[in-house]
N, C-alpha and C. Protein backbone atom coordinates (compact mmCIF):
# COMPACT_ATOMS: atom_id res chain seq x y z
N MET A 1 82.87 154.33 117.53
CA MET A 1 81.44 153.97 117.23
C MET A 1 81.29 154.10 118.77
N THR A 2 80.04 155.01 119.04
CA THR A 2 79.16 155.24 119.86
C THR A 2 77.97 154.43 119.83
N ALA A 3 77.80 153.65 121.24
CA ALA A 3 76.60 153.09 121.69
C ALA A 3 75.21 152.83 120.77
N ILE A 4 74.46 154.47 119.94
CA ILE A 4 73.85 154.89 119.32
C ILE A 4 74.51 153.75 117.78
N GLN A 5 75.37 153.86 117.40
CA GLN A 5 75.61 153.37 116.34
C GLN A 5 75.92 151.86 115.95
N LEU A 6 76.60 151.85 117.61
CA LEU A 6 76.77 150.45 117.45
C LEU A 6 74.50 149.91 117.87
N ASN A 7 74.15 149.85 118.09
CA ASN A 7 72.76 149.75 118.13
C ASN A 7 72.23 149.53 117.01
N ALA A 8 72.93 150.78 116.10
CA ALA A 8 72.47 151.06 114.73
C ALA A 8 73.10 149.33 114.27
N GLU A 9 73.77 148.75 113.81
CA GLU A 9 74.52 148.11 112.91
C GLU A 9 73.75 147.35 114.13
N MET A 10 72.96 146.68 115.16
CA MET A 10 72.35 145.64 115.70
C MET A 10 71.45 144.87 115.27
N LEU A 11 70.56 146.31 114.82
CA LEU A 11 69.78 146.04 115.21
C LEU A 11 69.19 145.84 113.24
N ARG A 12 70.33 146.71 112.34
CA ARG A 12 70.09 146.47 110.59
C ARG A 12 70.87 144.13 111.09
N ASN A 13 71.86 144.39 111.44
CA ASN A 13 72.41 142.70 110.94
C ASN A 13 70.90 142.06 112.13
N LEU A 14 70.07 141.97 112.67
CA LEU A 14 69.08 141.57 112.86
C LEU A 14 68.31 141.44 112.21
N SER A 15 67.76 142.26 111.59
CA SER A 15 66.84 142.36 110.70
C SER A 15 66.93 141.37 110.18
N ILE A 16 68.38 141.61 109.56
CA ILE A 16 68.79 140.24 107.88
C ILE A 16 69.02 138.74 108.89
N ILE A 17 69.21 138.97 109.73
CA ILE A 17 69.78 137.03 110.65
C ILE A 17 67.34 136.93 110.49
N ALA A 18 67.04 137.98 111.41
CA ALA A 18 65.50 137.21 111.38
C ALA A 18 65.09 136.70 110.00
N GLU A 19 65.27 136.76 108.97
CA GLU A 19 64.66 136.04 107.86
C GLU A 19 65.97 134.36 107.63
N ASP A 20 65.76 133.83 109.21
CA ASP A 20 66.80 132.75 108.36
C ASP A 20 66.95 132.06 109.65
N GLU A 21 65.87 131.15 109.98
CA GLU A 21 65.84 130.23 111.06
C GLU A 21 66.72 129.68 111.94
N ASN A 22 67.98 129.00 110.80
CA ASN A 22 68.82 128.67 111.05
C ASN A 22 70.47 130.03 112.08
N LEU A 23 70.49 130.23 110.94
CA LEU A 23 70.96 132.39 110.96
C LEU A 23 70.66 133.07 113.44
N LEU A 24 68.65 131.87 113.68
CA LEU A 24 68.47 133.33 114.70
C LEU A 24 69.11 132.48 115.52
N LYS A 25 69.18 131.05 115.26
CA LYS A 25 70.00 130.32 115.70
C LYS A 25 71.60 130.05 116.83
N ARG A 26 71.90 129.88 115.37
CA ARG A 26 73.34 130.27 116.26
C ARG A 26 73.95 131.57 117.13
N ALA A 27 72.83 132.56 115.78
CA ALA A 27 72.94 133.98 116.78
C ALA A 27 72.33 134.22 117.97
N ALA A 28 71.83 133.19 118.29
CA ALA A 28 71.16 133.47 120.11
C ALA A 28 71.87 132.25 120.95
N LYS A 29 72.01 131.62 120.28
CA LYS A 29 74.04 130.70 120.55
C LYS A 29 75.27 131.22 120.91
N TYR A 30 75.62 132.07 119.90
CA TYR A 30 76.20 133.00 119.68
C TYR A 30 76.82 134.54 121.79
N LEU A 31 75.14 134.45 121.55
CA LEU A 31 74.24 135.68 122.63
C LEU A 31 74.65 135.11 123.46
N ARG A 32 73.79 133.45 123.78
CA ARG A 32 73.99 133.27 125.31
C ARG A 32 75.62 132.97 125.76
N LYS A 33 76.53 132.48 125.40
CA LYS A 33 77.89 132.40 124.78
C LYS A 33 78.39 133.67 125.78
N LEU A 34 77.89 134.72 124.97
CA LEU A 34 78.76 136.34 125.58
C LEU A 34 78.17 136.01 126.81
N VAL A 35 76.95 136.21 127.22
CA VAL A 35 76.59 136.91 128.44
C VAL A 35 77.30 135.65 129.84
N ALA A 36 76.88 134.19 129.07
CA ALA A 36 77.82 133.92 130.10
C ALA A 36 79.42 134.28 130.32
N GLU A 37 80.03 134.40 129.51
CA GLU A 37 82.59 134.84 129.31
C GLU A 37 81.49 136.07 130.37
N LYS A 38 80.32 136.85 130.55
CA LYS A 38 80.64 138.49 131.44
C LYS A 38 79.61 137.98 132.37
N LYS A 39 79.23 137.56 132.84
CA LYS A 39 78.98 136.92 134.37
C LYS A 39 80.18 136.38 135.18
N ALA A 40 80.37 135.50 134.69
CA ALA A 40 82.00 134.94 134.91
C ALA A 40 83.38 135.74 134.34
N ASP A 41 83.65 136.65 133.98
CA ASP A 41 84.27 138.03 134.72
C ASP A 41 84.72 137.87 136.04
N PRO A 42 85.91 137.38 136.47
CA PRO A 42 86.54 137.59 137.81
C PRO A 42 86.51 139.60 138.32
N THR A 43 86.64 139.05 137.21
CA THR A 43 87.45 141.29 137.76
C THR A 43 86.91 142.53 137.97
N GLU A 44 85.64 141.80 137.12
CA GLU A 44 84.45 142.78 137.06
C GLU A 44 84.37 143.23 138.07
N MET A 45 84.24 144.42 139.32
CA MET A 45 83.05 144.84 139.82
C MET A 45 82.17 145.92 140.17
N THR A 46 81.45 146.15 140.84
CA THR A 46 81.34 147.07 141.12
C THR A 46 82.00 149.22 141.75
N ARG A 47 81.23 150.47 141.17
CA ARG A 47 81.42 150.76 141.21
C ARG A 47 81.79 151.47 142.65
N GLU A 48 80.92 150.27 143.51
CA GLU A 48 80.96 150.25 144.88
C GLU A 48 82.34 149.41 145.32
N GLU A 49 82.24 148.46 145.08
CA GLU A 49 83.61 147.88 145.22
C GLU A 49 84.72 148.37 145.14
N PHE A 50 84.82 149.19 143.66
CA PHE A 50 85.65 149.62 143.48
C PHE A 50 86.55 150.91 144.51
N PHE A 51 85.44 151.55 144.33
CA PHE A 51 85.49 152.98 145.82
C PHE A 51 86.10 152.43 146.88
N ALA A 52 85.75 151.49 147.51
CA ALA A 52 85.93 150.05 148.35
C ALA A 52 87.30 150.11 148.35
N ARG A 53 87.68 149.95 147.82
CA ARG A 53 89.21 149.22 147.47
C ARG A 53 90.33 150.18 147.25
N VAL A 54 89.68 151.34 147.11
CA VAL A 54 90.47 152.14 146.54
C VAL A 54 90.94 153.14 148.00
N ASP A 55 89.25 153.54 148.59
CA ASP A 55 89.80 153.87 149.77
C ASP A 55 90.65 152.15 150.94
N LYS A 56 90.27 151.80 150.79
CA LYS A 56 91.01 150.61 151.19
C LYS A 56 92.85 151.02 151.23
N ALA A 57 92.69 150.89 150.17
CA ALA A 57 94.96 150.88 149.79
C ALA A 57 94.53 152.63 149.95
N GLU A 58 93.88 153.79 150.23
CA GLU A 58 94.28 155.26 150.47
C GLU A 58 94.72 154.92 152.24
N ARG A 59 94.20 154.35 152.74
CA ARG A 59 93.64 153.94 154.28
C ARG A 59 95.22 153.34 154.36
N GLN A 60 95.65 152.26 153.95
CA GLN A 60 97.29 151.57 154.12
C GLN A 60 98.80 152.38 153.79
N ILE A 61 98.37 152.97 152.81
CA ILE A 61 99.47 154.15 152.80
C ILE A 61 99.15 155.38 153.84
N ALA A 62 98.44 155.78 154.12
CA ALA A 62 98.12 156.20 155.00
C ALA A 62 99.50 155.84 156.34
N GLU A 63 99.00 154.85 156.51
CA GLU A 63 99.21 153.80 157.60
C GLU A 63 100.77 153.66 158.07
N GLY A 64 101.66 153.63 155.88
CA GLY A 64 102.81 153.50 155.86
C GLY A 64 102.72 152.12 155.90
N LYS A 65 101.89 151.60 155.23
CA LYS A 65 101.70 150.19 153.98
C LYS A 65 101.85 150.11 152.37
N GLY A 66 101.86 151.14 152.65
CA GLY A 66 102.33 151.20 151.25
C GLY A 66 103.89 150.94 150.44
N ILE A 67 103.81 150.87 149.51
CA ILE A 67 105.35 150.31 148.61
C ILE A 67 105.69 151.38 147.63
N THR A 68 106.66 151.91 147.93
CA THR A 68 107.59 153.16 147.01
C THR A 68 109.17 152.02 146.97
N PHE A 69 108.81 153.23 145.42
CA PHE A 69 110.11 152.52 144.07
C PHE A 69 110.92 153.91 143.94
N THR A 70 112.63 153.64 144.28
CA THR A 70 113.32 154.60 143.75
C THR A 70 113.80 155.10 142.50
N ASN A 71 113.32 153.33 141.79
CA ASN A 71 113.57 153.84 140.05
C ASN A 71 112.91 152.85 138.88
N HIS A 72 112.41 152.48 137.93
CA HIS A 72 112.19 151.86 136.86
C HIS A 72 112.00 150.10 137.42
N ASP A 73 113.45 149.68 137.66
CA ASP A 73 114.16 148.77 138.10
C ASP A 73 114.14 148.05 139.00
N ASP A 74 112.55 148.90 140.66
CA ASP A 74 112.46 147.29 141.99
C ASP A 74 111.90 148.16 141.37
N MET A 75 110.84 148.59 140.30
CA MET A 75 109.43 148.39 140.19
C MET A 75 109.52 147.51 139.65
N ASN A 76 109.73 147.07 138.50
CA ASN A 76 110.01 145.67 138.12
C ASN A 76 110.20 144.98 138.08
N LYS A 77 110.76 144.44 139.40
CA LYS A 77 111.60 143.48 139.83
C LYS A 77 110.31 143.25 141.03
N TRP A 78 109.93 143.99 142.01
CA TRP A 78 108.20 143.56 142.29
C TRP A 78 107.50 143.58 141.66
N LEU A 79 106.94 143.84 140.27
CA LEU A 79 106.12 143.56 139.88
C LEU A 79 105.97 141.78 138.89
N ASN A 80 107.47 141.67 138.61
CA ASN A 80 107.99 140.67 138.54
C ASN A 80 107.59 139.45 139.46
N SER A 81 108.15 139.62 140.41
CA SER A 81 108.21 139.37 141.65
C SER A 81 106.33 138.53 142.25
N LEU A 82 105.18 138.97 141.41
CA LEU A 82 103.81 138.52 141.66
C LEU A 82 103.77 137.39 140.98
């Protein structure tokens, strides 16, 4: 579903909800909860932060600080140790 389709669906549903004050209150409460969850996401980063991390990783690899694996088992052992 595209963003335009999602927007259209949201507006259709809001037009139905707008006729009932209790539903409006519940919808507003849920939307506030969604916004709070989005703000609290510690994994979210800006494009600049993401590319800064990529640049740092590339520098570390160039300096020989990267980790390499010769097979899947070694990689899985390392990942499981995290």
